[in-house]
Amino acid sequence: MNFQKTRSGRNWLGYLKGVALKRIISEIEKWNRYPYWKNVHGLTEFQYCDRLFRVEAFEDFKKNVENNRLFFRHPDKWLKDDKLDSILLRLKVVLPDGTEVFQGYYSEIFCQCWSTADSKEMWEKYGKDHRMGYIKMVASLDSLMRAFDNTTEFKGYSESFAAGAVNYSNFDESTLTIKLNSKSECIAFFNQKVISQLYLEKRSSYGFENEVRFLSLNQKDQRGRDYAYVQVRKPLNQVLQGIIIDSRLKDEILREKIEKFASTNGIKVI
């Protein structure tokens, strides 16, 4: 009996080879279009070019544009500022001798948070002092990932940056203990490829943020700090789609200052 053919005469072996070839071609095409895609969690490629929003005080934004950089925060700072923020910071790893391990193996990781929604709640949460003059940066995951890391152009994935949509859920902290057999297992567990998805877990009460997080994975020179500045390898006016000025801002002089700075630096006011 010829197992390669069905009663209809179709050559199934040839058909399966064709399907496999199409999948390989599809993956190659995806690599060409989005070379960072293996480092993106929870988003489809159709979302890579959607707008993302991030609130910043104007003076901070001004310095970042002048230095062509973006501000990233160490996850430990989340717990200092907000006791309920991240599942990862309550994760406890226990070695056989009883040693408890927390953040020691991911001290080189820093994060930056954006939102898929241009919401009033985000202005109120991250722009509380109206006098400072807040703006929202507008960009896409695609433009940011390409600007952060040049290794993605050659390797098809990045060892330096990852990103993903935050998953909102309610979790039981009593279950957040993991037992490992050795220090080497512990280091492997906290390896960037394993741990990055845990940075994308958050309590459901934060769901209004619709958050997308960017992870800078190898900031060895910033070890021990609460924050890091990540250099952007393109001018920010080529990375950003523009900025939105806080509608609550009543200081017309400050508003004009923001508009003038944006215009001088080739940044569109949306």
C-alpha atoms as a PDB file:
ATOM      1  CA  MET A   1       0.000   0.000   0.000  1.00  0.00           C
ATOM      2  CA  ASN A   2       1.264   3.492  -0.867  1.00  0.00           C
ATOM      3  CA  PHE A   3       0.911   5.488   2.374  1.00  0.00           C
ATOM      4  CA  GLN A   4       1.950   8.673   0.582  1.00  0.00           C
ATOM      5  CA  LYS A   5      -1.361   8.790  -1.293  1.00  0.00           C
ATOM      6  CA  THR A   6      -4.986   8.846  -0.197  1.00  0.00           C
ATOM      7  CA  ARG A   7      -7.911   7.467  -2.184  1.00  0.00           C
ATOM      8  CA  SER A   8      -8.211  10.830  -3.869  1.00  0.00           C
ATOM      9  CA  GLY A   9      -4.658  10.438  -5.102  1.00  0.00           C
ATOM     10  CA  ARG A  10      -3.225  13.332  -3.076  1.00  0.00           C
ATOM     11  CA  ASN A  11       0.431  12.978  -2.213  1.00  0.00           C
ATOM     12  CA  TRP A  12       0.306  13.703   1.531  1.00  0.00           C
ATOM     13  CA  LEU A  13       4.052  13.547   2.014  1.00  0.00           C
ATOM     14  CA  GLY A  14       4.521  16.198  -0.644  1.00  0.00           C
ATOM     15  CA  TYR A  15       1.660  18.219   0.849  1.00  0.00           C
ATOM     16  CA  LEU A  16       3.244  18.179   4.346  1.00  0.00           C
ATOM     17  CA  LYS A  17       6.598  19.173   2.898  1.00  0.00           C
ATOM     18  CA  GLY A  18       4.892  22.079   1.173  1.00  0.00           C
ATOM     19  CA  VAL A  19       3.221  23.182   4.424  1.00  0.00           C
ATOM     20  CA  ALA A  20       6.551  23.009   6.275  1.00  0.00           C
ATOM     21  CA  LEU A  21       8.247  25.034   3.532  1.00  0.00           C
ATOM     22  CA  LYS A  22       5.509  27.696   3.698  1.00  0.00           C
ATOM     23  CA  ARG A  23       5.959  27.979   7.463  1.00  0.00           C
ATOM     24  CA  ILE A  24       9.712  28.386   7.090  1.00  0.00           C
ATOM     25  CA  ILE A  25       9.215  31.078   4.463  1.00  0.00           C
ATOM     26  CA  SER A  26       6.642  32.782   6.725  1.00  0.00           C
ATOM     27  CA  GLU A  27       9.129  32.832   9.630  1.00  0.00           C
ATOM     28  CA  ILE A  28      11.875  34.245   7.399  1.00  0.00           C
ATOM     29  CA  GLU A  29       9.519  36.959   6.176  1.00  0.00           C
ATOM     30  CA  LYS A  30       8.569  37.805   9.759  1.00  0.00           C
ATOM     31  CA  TRP A  31      12.258  38.045  10.667  1.00  0.00           C
ATOM     32  CA  ASN A  32      12.786  40.421   7.784  1.00  0.00           C
ATOM     33  CA  ARG A  33       9.825  42.604   8.712  1.00  0.00           C
ATOM     34  CA  TYR A  34      10.179  42.452  12.496  1.00  0.00           C
ATOM     35  CA  PRO A  35      13.661  41.192  13.454  1.00  0.00           C
ATOM     36  CA  TYR A  36      12.888  41.489  17.168  1.00  0.00           C
ATOM     37  CA  TRP A  37       9.663  39.426  17.132  1.00  0.00           C
ATOM     38  CA  LYS A  38      10.972  36.503  19.204  1.00  0.00           C
ATOM     39  CA  ASN A  39      11.496  38.925  22.070  1.00  0.00           C
ATOM     40  CA  VAL A  40       7.912  40.216  22.085  1.00  0.00           C
ATOM     41  CA  HIS A  41       5.353  38.572  24.387  1.00  0.00           C
ATOM     42  CA  GLY A  42       1.565  38.789  24.225  1.00  0.00           C
ATOM     43  CA  LEU A  43       1.291  41.006  21.136  1.00  0.00           C
ATOM     44  CA  THR A  44       0.628  40.025  17.544  1.00  0.00           C
ATOM     45  CA  GLU A  45       2.601  41.521  14.674  1.00  0.00           C
ATOM     46  CA  PHE A  46      -0.549  43.443  13.708  1.00  0.00           C
ATOM     47  CA  GLN A  47      -0.109  45.408  16.951  1.00  0.00           C
ATOM     48  CA  TYR A  48       3.576  46.225  16.503  1.00  0.00           C
ATOM     49  CA  CYS A  49       2.800  49.468  14.674  1.00  0.00           C
ATOM     50  CA  ASP A  50      -0.139  50.577  16.853  1.00  0.00           C
ATOM     51  CA  ARG A  51       0.250  53.724  18.914  1.00  0.00           C
ATOM     52  CA  LEU A  52       1.712  53.533  22.420  1.00  0.00           C
ATOM     53  CA  PHE A  53       1.640  56.372  24.971  1.00  0.00           C
ATOM     54  CA  ARG A  54       3.919  57.352  27.847  1.00  0.00           C
ATOM     55  CA  VAL A  55       3.456  60.298  30.243  1.00  0.00           C
ATOM     56  CA  GLU A  56       6.530  62.358  31.176  1.00  0.00           C
ATOM     57  CA  ALA A  57       7.173  65.727  32.804  1.00  0.00           C
ATOM     58  CA  PHE A  58       8.306  68.176  30.140  1.00  0.00           C
ATOM     59  CA  GLU A  59      11.677  68.942  31.767  1.00  0.00           C
ATOM     60  CA  ASP A  60      12.507  65.236  31.887  1.00  0.00           C
ATOM     61  CA  PHE A  61      11.402  64.818  28.281  1.00  0.00           C
ATOM     62  CA  LYS A  62      13.504  67.820  27.249  1.00  0.00           C
ATOM     63  CA  LYS A  63      16.679  66.355  28.781  1.00  0.00           C
ATOM     64  CA  ASN A  64      16.012  62.971  27.211  1.00  0.00           C
ATOM     65  CA  VAL A  65      15.591  64.495  23.753  1.00  0.00           C
ATOM     66  CA  GLU A  66      18.760  66.576  24.155  1.00  0.00           C
ATOM     67  CA  ASN A  67      20.706  63.465  25.163  1.00  0.00           C
ATOM     68  CA  ASN A  68      18.903  61.093  22.795  1.00  0.00           C
ATOM     69  CA  ARG A  69      17.959  58.652  25.530  1.00  0.00           C
ATOM     70  CA  LEU A  70      14.972  57.153  27.332  1.00  0.00           C
ATOM     71  CA  PHE A  71      14.474  56.618  31.044  1.00  0.00           C
ATOM     72  CA  PHE A  72      14.212  53.056  32.385  1.00  0.00           C
ATOM     73  CA  ARG A  73      13.531  52.083  36.001  1.00  0.00           C
ATOM     74  CA  HIS A  74      14.766  49.098  37.993  1.00  0.00           C
ATOM     75  CA  PRO A  75      11.851  46.810  38.984  1.00  0.00           C
ATOM     76  CA  ASP A  76      12.863  47.022  42.636  1.00  0.00           C
ATOM     77  CA  LYS A  77      11.703  50.653  42.545  1.00  0.00           C
ATOM     78  CA  TRP A  78       8.183  49.507  41.648  1.00  0.00           C
ATOM     79  CA  LEU A  79       7.911  47.687  44.964  1.00  0.00           C
ATOM     80  CA  LYS A  80       9.272  50.671  46.876  1.00  0.00           C
ATOM     81  CA  ASP A  81       6.688  52.951  45.246  1.00  0.00           C
ATOM     82  CA  ASP A  82       3.764  50.554  45.092  1.00  0.00           C
ATOM     83  CA  LYS A  83       3.517  47.469  47.300  1.00  0.00           C
ATOM     84  CA  LEU A  84       1.048  45.744  44.979  1.00  0.00           C
ATOM     85  CA  ASP A  85       2.721  46.309  41.644  1.00  0.00           C
ATOM     86  CA  SER A  86       4.575  43.248  40.433  1.00  0.00           C
ATOM     87  CA  ILE A  87       4.327  39.501  40.940  1.00  0.00           C
ATOM     88  CA  LEU A  88       8.028  39.112  40.232  1.00  0.00           C
ATOM     89  CA  LEU A  89       9.170  41.109  43.225  1.00  0.00           C
ATOM     90  CA  ARG A  90       7.376  38.757  45.612  1.00  0.00           C
ATOM     91  CA  LEU A  91       8.716  35.679  43.895  1.00  0.00           C
ATOM     92  CA  LYS A  92      10.909  33.705  46.296  1.00  0.00           C
ATOM     93  CA  VAL A  93      13.358  31.081  45.115  1.00  0.00           C
ATOM     94  CA  VAL A  94      14.645  28.661  47.778  1.00  0.00           C
ATOM     95  CA  LEU A  95      17.838  26.601  47.395  1.00  0.00           C
ATOM     96  CA  PRO A  96      18.282  23.192  49.102  1.00  0.00           C
ATOM     97  CA  ASP A  97      20.278  24.712  51.970  1.00  0.00           C
ATOM     98  CA  GLY A  98      17.369  27.047  52.737  1.00  0.00           C
ATOM     99  CA  THR A  99      18.915  30.126  51.109  1.00  0.00           C
ATOM    100  CA  GLU A 100      16.239  32.481  49.792  1.00  0.00           C
ATOM    101  CA  VAL A 101      17.040  34.293  46.560  1.00  0.00           C
ATOM    102  CA  PHE A 102      15.231  37.419  45.389  1.00  0.00           C
ATOM    103  CA  GLN A 103      16.495  40.078  42.991  1.00  0.00           C
ATOM    104  CA  GLY A 104      20.193  39.201  43.079  1.00  0.00           C
ATOM    105  CA  TYR A 105      20.304  37.619  39.654  1.00  0.00           C
ATOM    106  CA  TYR A 106      18.431  40.256  37.726  1.00  0.00           C
ATOM    107  CA  SER A 107      20.141  43.431  38.924  1.00  0.00           C
ATOM    108  CA  GLU A 108      21.036  44.308  35.324  1.00  0.00           C
ATOM    109  CA  ILE A 109      17.419  44.519  34.121  1.00  0.00           C
ATOM    110  CA  PHE A 110      15.575  47.833  33.784  1.00  0.00           C
ATOM    111  CA  CYS A 111      12.097  48.541  32.453  1.00  0.00           C
ATOM    112  CA  GLN A 112      10.077  51.249  30.757  1.00  0.00           C
ATOM    113  CA  CYS A 113       6.284  51.291  30.699  1.00  0.00           C
ATOM    114  CA  TRP A 114       3.977  52.512  27.930  1.00  0.00           C
ATOM    115  CA  SER A 115       0.215  52.229  27.448  1.00  0.00           C
ATOM    116  CA  THR A 116      -1.931  51.213  24.495  1.00  0.00           C
ATOM    117  CA  ALA A 117      -4.594  53.720  25.632  1.00  0.00           C
ATOM    118  CA  ASP A 118      -4.564  57.516  25.592  1.00  0.00           C
ATOM    119  CA  SER A 119      -6.673  57.647  28.748  1.00  0.00           C
ATOM    120  CA  LYS A 120      -7.593  60.292  31.291  1.00  0.00           C
ATOM    121  CA  GLU A 121      -6.604  57.886  34.076  1.00  0.00           C
ATOM    122  CA  MET A 122      -3.013  57.804  32.840  1.00  0.00           C
ATOM    123  CA  TRP A 123      -2.754  61.595  32.981  1.00  0.00           C
ATOM    124  CA  GLU A 124      -4.100  61.562  36.541  1.00  0.00           C
ATOM    125  CA  LYS A 125      -1.850  58.733  37.759  1.00  0.00           C
ATOM    126  CA  TYR A 126       1.436  59.830  36.182  1.00  0.00           C
ATOM    127  CA  GLY A 127       0.904  63.581  35.819  1.00  0.00           C
ATOM    128  CA  LYS A 128      -0.327  64.630  39.221  1.00  0.00           C
ATOM    129  CA  ASP A 129       1.408  68.019  39.481  1.00  0.00           C
ATOM    130  CA  HIS A 130      -0.289  70.073  36.762  1.00  0.00           C
ATOM    131  CA  ARG A 131       2.228  72.910  37.131  1.00  0.00           C
ATOM    132  CA  MET A 132       5.100  70.771  35.816  1.00  0.00           C
ATOM    133  CA  GLY A 133       3.692  70.546  32.321  1.00  0.00           C
ATOM    134  CA  TYR A 134       3.278  66.941  31.249  1.00  0.00           C
ATOM    135  CA  ILE A 135       3.396  65.502  27.774  1.00  0.00           C
ATOM    136  CA  LYS A 136       2.610  62.087  26.362  1.00  0.00           C
ATOM    137  CA  MET A 137       5.137  60.601  24.020  1.00  0.00           C
ATOM    138  CA  VAL A 138       3.522  58.709  21.136  1.00  0.00           C
ATOM    139  CA  ALA A 139       5.415  55.884  19.443  1.00  0.00           C
ATOM    140  CA  SER A 140       4.997  52.274  18.339  1.00  0.00           C
ATOM    141  CA  LEU A 141       6.569  49.083  19.611  1.00  0.00           C
ATOM    142  CA  ASP A 142       8.129  48.667  16.168  1.00  0.00           C
ATOM    143  CA  SER A 143       9.885  52.049  16.148  1.00  0.00           C
ATOM    144  CA  LEU A 144      11.068  51.670  19.751  1.00  0.00           C
ATOM    145  CA  MET A 145      12.460  48.150  19.386  1.00  0.00           C
ATOM    146  CA  ARG A 146      14.335  49.121  16.238  1.00  0.00           C
ATOM    147  CA  ALA A 147      15.757  52.210  17.940  1.00  0.00           C
ATOM    148  CA  PHE A 148      16.833  50.468  21.139  1.00  0.00           C
ATOM    149  CA  ASP A 149      19.012  47.689  19.800  1.00  0.00           C
ATOM    150  CA  ASN A 150      21.034  47.216  16.625  1.00  0.00           C
ATOM    151  CA  THR A 151      21.744  43.512  17.274  1.00  0.00           C
ATOM    152  CA  THR A 152      18.212  42.630  16.143  1.00  0.00           C
ATOM    153  CA  GLU A 153      19.130  43.533  12.574  1.00  0.00           C
ATOM    154  CA  PHE A 154      21.590  40.650  12.348  1.00  0.00           C
ATOM    155  CA  LYS A 155      20.494  37.917  14.736  1.00  0.00           C
ATOM    156  CA  GLY A 156      16.753  37.681  14.307  1.00  0.00           C
ATOM    157  CA  TYR A 157      16.370  38.186  18.047  1.00  0.00           C
ATOM    158  CA  SER A 158      17.843  40.452  20.675  1.00  0.00           C
ATOM    159  CA  GLU A 159      19.878  39.577  23.734  1.00  0.00           C
ATOM    160  CA  SER A 160      19.517  43.112  25.024  1.00  0.00           C
ATOM    161  CA  PHE A 161      15.833  44.062  24.794  1.00  0.00           C
ATOM    162  CA  ALA A 162      12.427  42.434  25.145  1.00  0.00           C
ATOM    163  CA  ALA A 163       8.886  43.763  25.296  1.00  0.00           C
ATOM    164  CA  GLY A 164       5.380  42.561  25.916  1.00  0.00           C
ATOM    165  CA  ALA A 165       1.826  43.286  26.927  1.00  0.00           C
ATOM    166  CA  VAL A 166       1.179  43.062  30.668  1.00  0.00           C
ATOM    167  CA  ASN A 167      -1.170  40.292  31.781  1.00  0.00           C
ATOM    168  CA  TYR A 168      -3.554  41.405  34.536  1.00  0.00           C
ATOM    169  CA  SER A 169      -4.710  38.808  37.041  1.00  0.00           C
ATOM    170  CA  ASN A 170      -5.182  38.159  40.746  1.00  0.00           C
ATOM    171  CA  PHE A 171      -2.569  35.862  42.233  1.00  0.00           C
ATOM    172  CA  ASP A 172      -2.121  34.152  45.567  1.00  0.00           C
ATOM    173  CA  GLU A 173       1.176  35.242  47.113  1.00  0.00           C
ATOM    174  CA  SER A 174       1.346  32.063  49.192  1.00  0.00           C
ATOM    175  CA  THR A 175       2.086  30.147  45.979  1.00  0.00           C
ATOM    176  CA  LEU A 176       5.035  32.325  44.967  1.00  0.00           C
ATOM    177  CA  THR A 177       7.785  30.025  46.241  1.00  0.00           C
ATOM    178  CA  ILE A 178       9.913  28.043  43.810  1.00  0.00           C
ATOM    179  CA  LYS A 179      12.398  25.402  44.980  1.00  0.00           C
ATOM    180  CA  LEU A 180      15.501  24.798  42.900  1.00  0.00           C
ATOM    181  CA  ASN A 181      18.318  22.307  43.342  1.00  0.00           C
ATOM    182  CA  SER A 182      21.404  24.462  42.895  1.00  0.00           C
ATOM    183  CA  LYS A 183      22.795  27.932  42.448  1.00  0.00           C
ATOM    184  CA  SER A 184      23.359  27.193  38.750  1.00  0.00           C
ATOM    185  CA  GLU A 185      19.653  26.337  38.387  1.00  0.00           C
ATOM    186  CA  CYS A 186      18.838  29.585  40.111  1.00  0.00           C
ATOM    187  CA  ILE A 187      20.973  31.567  37.669  1.00  0.00           C
ATOM    188  CA  ALA A 188      19.355  29.709  34.764  1.00  0.00           C
ATOM    189  CA  PHE A 189      15.887  30.457  36.150  1.00  0.00           C
ATOM    190  CA  PHE A 190      16.621  34.157  36.342  1.00  0.00           C
ATOM    191  CA  ASN A 191      18.092  34.090  32.837  1.00  0.00           C
ATOM    192  CA  GLN A 192      16.515  36.780  30.652  1.00  0.00           C
ATOM    193  CA  LYS A 193      14.741  34.302  28.351  1.00  0.00           C
ATOM    194  CA  VAL A 194      12.882  32.739  31.284  1.00  0.00           C
ATOM    195  CA  ILE A 195      12.294  35.666  33.569  1.00  0.00           C
ATOM    196  CA  SER A 196      11.185  38.295  31.065  1.00  0.00           C
ATOM    197  CA  GLN A 197       7.592  37.060  30.964  1.00  0.00           C
ATOM    198  CA  LEU A 198       7.299  37.338  34.751  1.00  0.00           C
ATOM    199  CA  TYR A 199       7.878  41.079  34.406  1.00  0.00           C
ATOM    200  CA  LEU A 200       4.632  41.139  32.468  1.00  0.00           C
ATOM    201  CA  GLU A 201       2.344  39.991  35.310  1.00  0.00           C
ATOM    202  CA  LYS A 202       0.364  42.549  37.310  1.00  0.00           C
ATOM    203  CA  ARG A 203      -2.737  42.685  39.500  1.00  0.00           C
ATOM    204  CA  SER A 204      -6.078  43.089  37.735  1.00  0.00           C
ATOM    205  CA  SER A 205      -6.761  46.368  39.597  1.00  0.00           C
ATOM    206  CA  TYR A 206      -4.188  47.975  37.275  1.00  0.00           C
ATOM    207  CA  GLY A 207      -5.978  46.842  34.126  1.00  0.00           C
ATOM    208  CA  PHE A 208      -6.888  50.406  33.127  1.00  0.00           C
ATOM    209  CA  GLU A 209      -3.219  51.018  32.304  1.00  0.00           C
ATOM    210  CA  ASN A 210      -3.275  48.677  29.257  1.00  0.00           C
ATOM    211  CA  GLU A 211       0.466  48.460  29.730  1.00  0.00           C
ATOM    212  CA  VAL A 212       3.248  47.389  27.401  1.00  0.00           C
ATOM    213  CA  ARG A 213       6.653  47.031  29.052  1.00  0.00           C
ATOM    214  CA  PHE A 214      10.080  47.275  27.471  1.00  0.00           C
ATOM    215  CA  LEU A 215      12.901  45.390  29.208  1.00  0.00           C
ATOM    216  CA  SER A 216      16.548  46.380  28.926  1.00  0.00           C
ATOM    217  CA  LEU A 217      18.264  43.126  29.848  1.00  0.00           C
ATOM    218  CA  ASN A 218      21.992  43.804  29.988  1.00  0.00           C
ATOM    219  CA  GLN A 219      22.615  47.140  31.712  1.00  0.00           C
ATOM    220  CA  LYS A 220      25.699  45.936  33.603  1.00  0.00           C
ATOM    221  CA  ASP A 221      27.078  49.465  33.948  1.00  0.00           C
ATOM    222  CA  GLN A 222      23.954  50.527  35.873  1.00  0.00           C
ATOM    223  CA  ARG A 223      23.996  47.681  38.407  1.00  0.00           C
ATOM    224  CA  GLY A 224      22.808  48.723  41.853  1.00  0.00           C
ATOM    225  CA  ARG A 225      20.914  51.810  40.657  1.00  0.00           C
ATOM    226  CA  ASP A 226      17.190  52.525  40.736  1.00  0.00           C
ATOM    227  CA  TYR A 227      17.194  53.696  37.131  1.00  0.00           C
ATOM    228  CA  ALA A 228      19.140  53.693  33.872  1.00  0.00           C
ATOM    229  CA  TYR A 229      19.225  55.846  30.758  1.00  0.00           C
ATOM    230  CA  VAL A 230      19.114  53.805  27.573  1.00  0.00           C
ATOM    231  CA  GLN A 231      20.697  55.465  24.575  1.00  0.00           C
ATOM    232  CA  VAL A 232      18.537  55.501  21.464  1.00  0.00           C
ATOM    233  CA  ARG A 233      20.430  54.853  18.249  1.00  0.00           C
ATOM    234  CA  LYS A 234      18.152  57.077  16.151  1.00  0.00           C
ATOM    235  CA  PRO A 235      17.177  60.714  16.810  1.00  0.00           C
ATOM    236  CA  LEU A 236      14.044  60.698  18.944  1.00  0.00           C
ATOM    237  CA  ASN A 237      12.184  62.758  16.369  1.00  0.00           C
ATOM    238  CA  GLN A 238      12.519  59.723  14.064  1.00  0.00           C
ATOM    239  CA  VAL A 239      11.362  57.314  16.753  1.00  0.00           C
ATOM    240  CA  LEU A 240       8.371  59.234  18.096  1.00  0.00           C
ATOM    241  CA  GLN A 241       5.224  59.881  16.110  1.00  0.00           C
ATOM    242  CA  GLY A 242       4.849  63.021  18.197  1.00  0.00           C
ATOM    243  CA  ILE A 243       3.750  64.273  21.603  1.00  0.00           C
ATOM    244  CA  ILE A 244       0.442  65.230  23.191  1.00  0.00           C
ATOM    245  CA  ILE A 245       0.434  68.182  25.608  1.00  0.00           C
ATOM    246  CA  ASP A 246      -1.607  67.758  28.779  1.00  0.00           C
ATOM    247  CA  SER A 247      -4.961  69.480  28.225  1.00  0.00           C
ATOM    248  CA  ARG A 248      -5.059  70.358  31.939  1.00  0.00           C
ATOM    249  CA  LEU A 249      -2.073  72.681  31.539  1.00  0.00           C
ATOM    250  CA  LYS A 250      -3.256  76.265  32.195  1.00  0.00           C
ATOM    251  CA  ASP A 251       0.141  77.965  31.936  1.00  0.00           C
ATOM    252  CA  GLU A 252       0.121  79.330  28.384  1.00  0.00           C
ATOM    253  CA  ILE A 253       3.772  80.414  28.586  1.00  0.00           C
ATOM    254  CA  LEU A 254       4.810  76.873  29.472  1.00  0.00           C
ATOM    255  CA  ARG A 255       2.594  75.474  26.723  1.00  0.00           C
ATOM    256  CA  GLU A 256       4.275  77.751  24.176  1.00  0.00           C
ATOM    257  CA  LYS A 257       7.680  76.682  25.529  1.00  0.00           C
ATOM    258  CA  ILE A 258       6.785  73.015  24.987  1.00  0.00           C
ATOM    259  CA  GLU A 259       5.499  73.698  21.476  1.00  0.00           C
ATOM    260  CA  LYS A 260       8.608  75.676  20.564  1.00  0.00           C
ATOM    261  CA  PHE A 261      10.936  72.976  21.882  1.00  0.00           C
ATOM    262  CA  ALA A 262       9.056  70.300  19.938  1.00  0.00           C
ATOM    263  CA  SER A 263       9.137  72.359  16.737  1.00  0.00           C
ATOM    264  CA  THR A 264      12.866  73.139  17.098  1.00  0.00           C
ATOM    265  CA  ASN A 265      13.605  69.422  17.482  1.00  0.00           C
ATOM    266  CA  GLY A 266      11.379  68.241  14.657  1.00  0.00           C
ATOM    267  CA  ILE A 267       8.798  66.626  16.944  1.00  0.00           C
ATOM    268  CA  LYS A 268       5.155  66.861  15.982  1.00  0.00           C
ATOM    269  CA  VAL A 269       2.599  68.134  18.528  1.00  0.00           C
ATOM    270  CA  ILE A 270      -0.464  65.928  18.059  1.00  0.00           C
END
